[in-house]
Amino acid sequence: MDAAASVGNVTLNAGIPCQISYVQAKMRCRVVCDLVRNIPMLSGTDPESVLHFFLRAQEVYDLNLDLNLVGDLEFLALLVGRTSGRVAQILGLHLGTSSKWGVVDSELSSTFLPPRIREEFLSKYVLWRFQSPTEELTEFIMSVVATARFLSYNGLLGVITY
């Protein structure tokens, strides 16, 4: 690979440094774009909508992180297009400060999901959520664990090893 085709240095999951080409970077971005495009638009600040939006965004981010596709700033830039209003303002502010996804996720969670709402969601989606007859067991468990993690509920996460 010649230097002209090189975009940047990346470290693979195994810790092996490599260079990616422009085409590879573009393909990686396209994969994440498609995944983010499947996240429903967030047009308001209804706590239920915010929860579902960020659970889906976290799912895409985790996959992105596992596959080492794009950086946090690129991911945030893609999410801005799926939001509006106050959420888009906060995402845009963090884009300008080069924040990591964890920082943004925490701020949005604390801003739009106050403690009373968190407790309600913990009860509804973690503690008293039952598996539906058509839902696969793994899908059910992953949903409960993802919600518990997002709502920062550590009681359940200490019991479940994943």
Protein backbone atom coordinates (compact mmCIF):
# COMPACT_ATOMS: atom_id res chain seq x y z
CA MET A 1 0.00 0.00 0.00
CA ASP A 2 1.52 3.32 -0.98
CA ALA A 3 1.49 6.40 1.25
CA ALA A 4 -0.89 8.29 -1.04
CA ALA A 5 -3.63 5.71 -0.46
CA SER A 6 -3.16 5.78 3.28
CA VAL A 7 -5.74 7.61 5.40
CA GLY A 8 -4.49 6.98 8.90
CA ASN A 9 -3.18 4.59 11.46
CA VAL A 10 -5.58 2.30 13.26
CA THR A 11 -5.01 -0.34 15.90
CA LEU A 12 -6.89 -3.57 15.36
CA ASN A 13 -8.59 -5.38 18.24
CA ALA A 14 -5.58 -7.66 18.56
CA GLY A 15 -3.39 -4.60 19.13
CA ILE A 16 -1.76 -4.84 15.72
CA PRO A 17 -1.26 -1.40 14.17
CA CYS A 18 -2.24 -1.05 10.53
CA GLN A 19 -3.06 1.63 7.98
CA ILE A 20 -6.42 1.91 6.31
CA SER A 21 -6.96 3.20 2.83
CA TYR A 22 -9.45 5.84 1.79
CA VAL A 23 -11.69 3.15 0.30
CA GLN A 24 -11.62 1.13 3.52
CA ALA A 25 -12.43 4.22 5.59
CA LYS A 26 -15.30 5.08 3.26
CA MET A 27 -16.70 1.54 3.44
CA ARG A 28 -16.47 1.52 7.24
CA CYS A 29 -18.30 4.83 7.39
CA ARG A 30 -20.95 3.53 5.01
CA VAL A 31 -21.62 0.54 7.30
CA VAL A 32 -22.07 2.80 10.33
CA CYS A 33 -24.20 5.23 8.27
CA ASP A 34 -26.55 2.39 7.36
CA LEU A 35 -26.78 1.27 10.98
CA VAL A 36 -27.44 4.81 12.23
CA ARG A 37 -30.01 5.35 9.48
CA ASN A 38 -32.01 2.47 11.00
CA ILE A 39 -32.26 4.29 14.34
CA PRO A 40 -35.68 5.98 14.55
CA MET A 41 -35.62 9.78 14.41
CA LEU A 42 -35.77 11.55 17.76
CA SER A 43 -37.84 14.68 17.27
CA GLY A 44 -38.76 15.54 20.85
CA THR A 45 -37.67 15.08 24.42
CA ASP A 46 -40.30 12.59 25.56
CA PRO A 47 -38.39 10.38 28.05
CA GLU A 48 -39.69 7.14 26.52
CA SER A 49 -38.55 8.20 23.03
CA VAL A 50 -35.18 9.36 24.38
CA LEU A 51 -34.66 6.03 26.15
CA HIS A 52 -35.45 3.98 23.04
CA PHE A 53 -33.33 6.23 20.82
CA PHE A 54 -30.27 5.99 23.05
CA LEU A 55 -30.66 2.27 23.64
CA ARG A 56 -30.57 1.77 19.88
CA ALA A 57 -27.70 4.26 19.49
CA GLN A 58 -25.72 2.44 22.20
CA GLU A 59 -26.31 -0.85 20.40
CA VAL A 60 -24.91 0.62 17.16
CA TYR A 61 -22.02 2.24 19.05
CA ASP A 62 -21.08 -1.07 20.71
CA LEU A 63 -21.06 -2.81 17.32
CA ASN A 64 -19.02 0.06 15.87
CA LEU A 65 -16.55 -0.24 18.75
CA ASP A 66 -16.26 -4.02 18.40
CA LEU A 67 -15.58 -3.76 14.67
CA ASN A 68 -13.41 -0.63 14.98
CA LEU A 69 -15.28 1.14 12.17
CA VAL A 70 -15.38 4.88 12.93
CA GLY A 71 -14.33 7.16 15.77
CA ASP A 72 -16.55 8.78 18.37
CA LEU A 73 -16.72 12.12 16.55
CA GLU A 74 -17.86 10.53 13.31
CA PHE A 75 -20.46 8.55 15.24
CA LEU A 76 -21.74 11.69 16.99
CA ALA A 77 -21.88 13.54 13.66
CA LEU A 78 -24.07 10.79 12.23
CA LEU A 79 -26.36 10.87 15.27
CA VAL A 80 -26.93 14.62 14.94
CA GLY A 81 -28.79 13.92 11.70
CA ARG A 82 -31.21 11.61 13.53
CA THR A 83 -32.15 14.20 16.18
CA SER A 84 -33.58 17.68 16.45
CA GLY A 85 -34.07 20.40 19.03
CA ARG A 86 -32.25 20.27 22.35
CA VAL A 87 -30.74 16.82 21.74
CA ALA A 88 -29.18 17.99 18.46
CA GLN A 89 -27.83 21.09 20.22
CA ILE A 90 -26.13 19.00 22.90
CA LEU A 91 -24.69 16.60 20.32
CA GLY A 92 -23.43 19.55 18.26
CA LEU A 93 -21.82 21.12 21.31
CA HIS A 94 -19.95 17.90 22.03
CA LEU A 95 -18.85 17.63 18.41
CA GLY A 96 -17.08 20.95 18.84
CA THR A 97 -15.29 19.81 22.00
CA SER A 98 -14.21 16.38 20.71
CA SER A 99 -16.06 14.53 23.45
CA LYS A 100 -16.23 10.76 23.64
CA TRP A 101 -19.54 8.90 23.32
CA GLY A 102 -19.57 7.96 27.01
CA VAL A 103 -19.47 11.62 28.07
CA VAL A 104 -22.25 12.57 25.65
CA ASP A 105 -24.34 9.56 26.62
CA SER A 106 -24.04 10.45 30.33
CA GLU A 107 -24.99 14.09 29.80
CA LEU A 108 -27.99 13.30 27.63
CA SER A 109 -29.13 10.63 30.04
CA SER A 110 -28.91 12.94 33.06
CA THR A 111 -30.53 15.81 31.14
CA PHE A 112 -33.53 13.98 29.71
CA LEU A 113 -33.97 11.15 32.21
CA PRO A 114 -34.16 12.61 35.72
CA PRO A 115 -33.98 10.20 38.70
CA ARG A 116 -37.76 9.78 39.03
CA ILE A 117 -38.07 8.83 35.36
CA ARG A 118 -35.06 6.49 35.62
CA GLU A 119 -36.70 4.68 38.52
CA GLU A 120 -39.92 4.33 36.55
CA PHE A 121 -38.03 2.93 33.55
CA LEU A 122 -35.99 0.58 35.74
CA SER A 123 -39.20 -0.80 37.13
CA LYS A 124 -40.90 -1.04 33.74
CA TYR A 125 -38.05 -2.27 31.52
CA VAL A 126 -35.71 -4.12 33.90
CA LEU A 127 -37.23 -5.28 37.17
CA TRP A 128 -40.78 -6.07 36.05
CA ARG A 129 -40.24 -6.83 32.38
CA PHE A 130 -41.28 -10.30 31.31
CA GLN A 131 -40.36 -12.18 28.19
CA SER A 132 -43.10 -12.11 25.57
CA PRO A 133 -44.19 -15.43 24.04
CA THR A 134 -42.69 -14.55 20.65
CA GLU A 135 -39.42 -13.12 22.00
CA GLU A 136 -36.25 -15.19 21.93
CA LEU A 137 -34.57 -15.67 25.31
CA THR A 138 -31.28 -14.14 24.18
CA GLU A 139 -33.09 -11.12 22.75
CA PHE A 140 -34.98 -10.68 26.03
CA ILE A 141 -31.83 -10.92 28.17
CA MET A 142 -29.86 -8.57 25.92
CA SER A 143 -32.69 -6.03 26.05
CA VAL A 144 -32.90 -6.12 29.85
CA VAL A 145 -29.12 -5.92 30.29
CA ALA A 146 -28.77 -3.05 27.77
CA THR A 147 -31.52 -1.07 29.49
CA ALA A 148 -30.05 -1.72 32.94
CA ARG A 149 -26.62 -0.62 31.73
CA PHE A 150 -27.99 2.54 30.11
CA LEU A 151 -29.96 3.46 33.23
CA SER A 152 -26.87 2.75 35.36
CA TYR A 153 -28.55 0.01 37.36
CA ASN A 154 -25.75 -2.10 38.79
CA GLY A 155 -27.88 -4.46 40.90
CA LEU A 156 -28.70 -6.75 37.99
CA LEU A 157 -25.39 -6.44 36.19
CA GLY A 158 -23.49 -7.92 39.14
CA VAL A 159 -25.57 -11.10 38.90
CA ILE A 160 -25.48 -11.57 35.14
CA THR A 161 -22.18 -12.52 33.54
CA TYR A 162 -22.07 -11.80 29.84
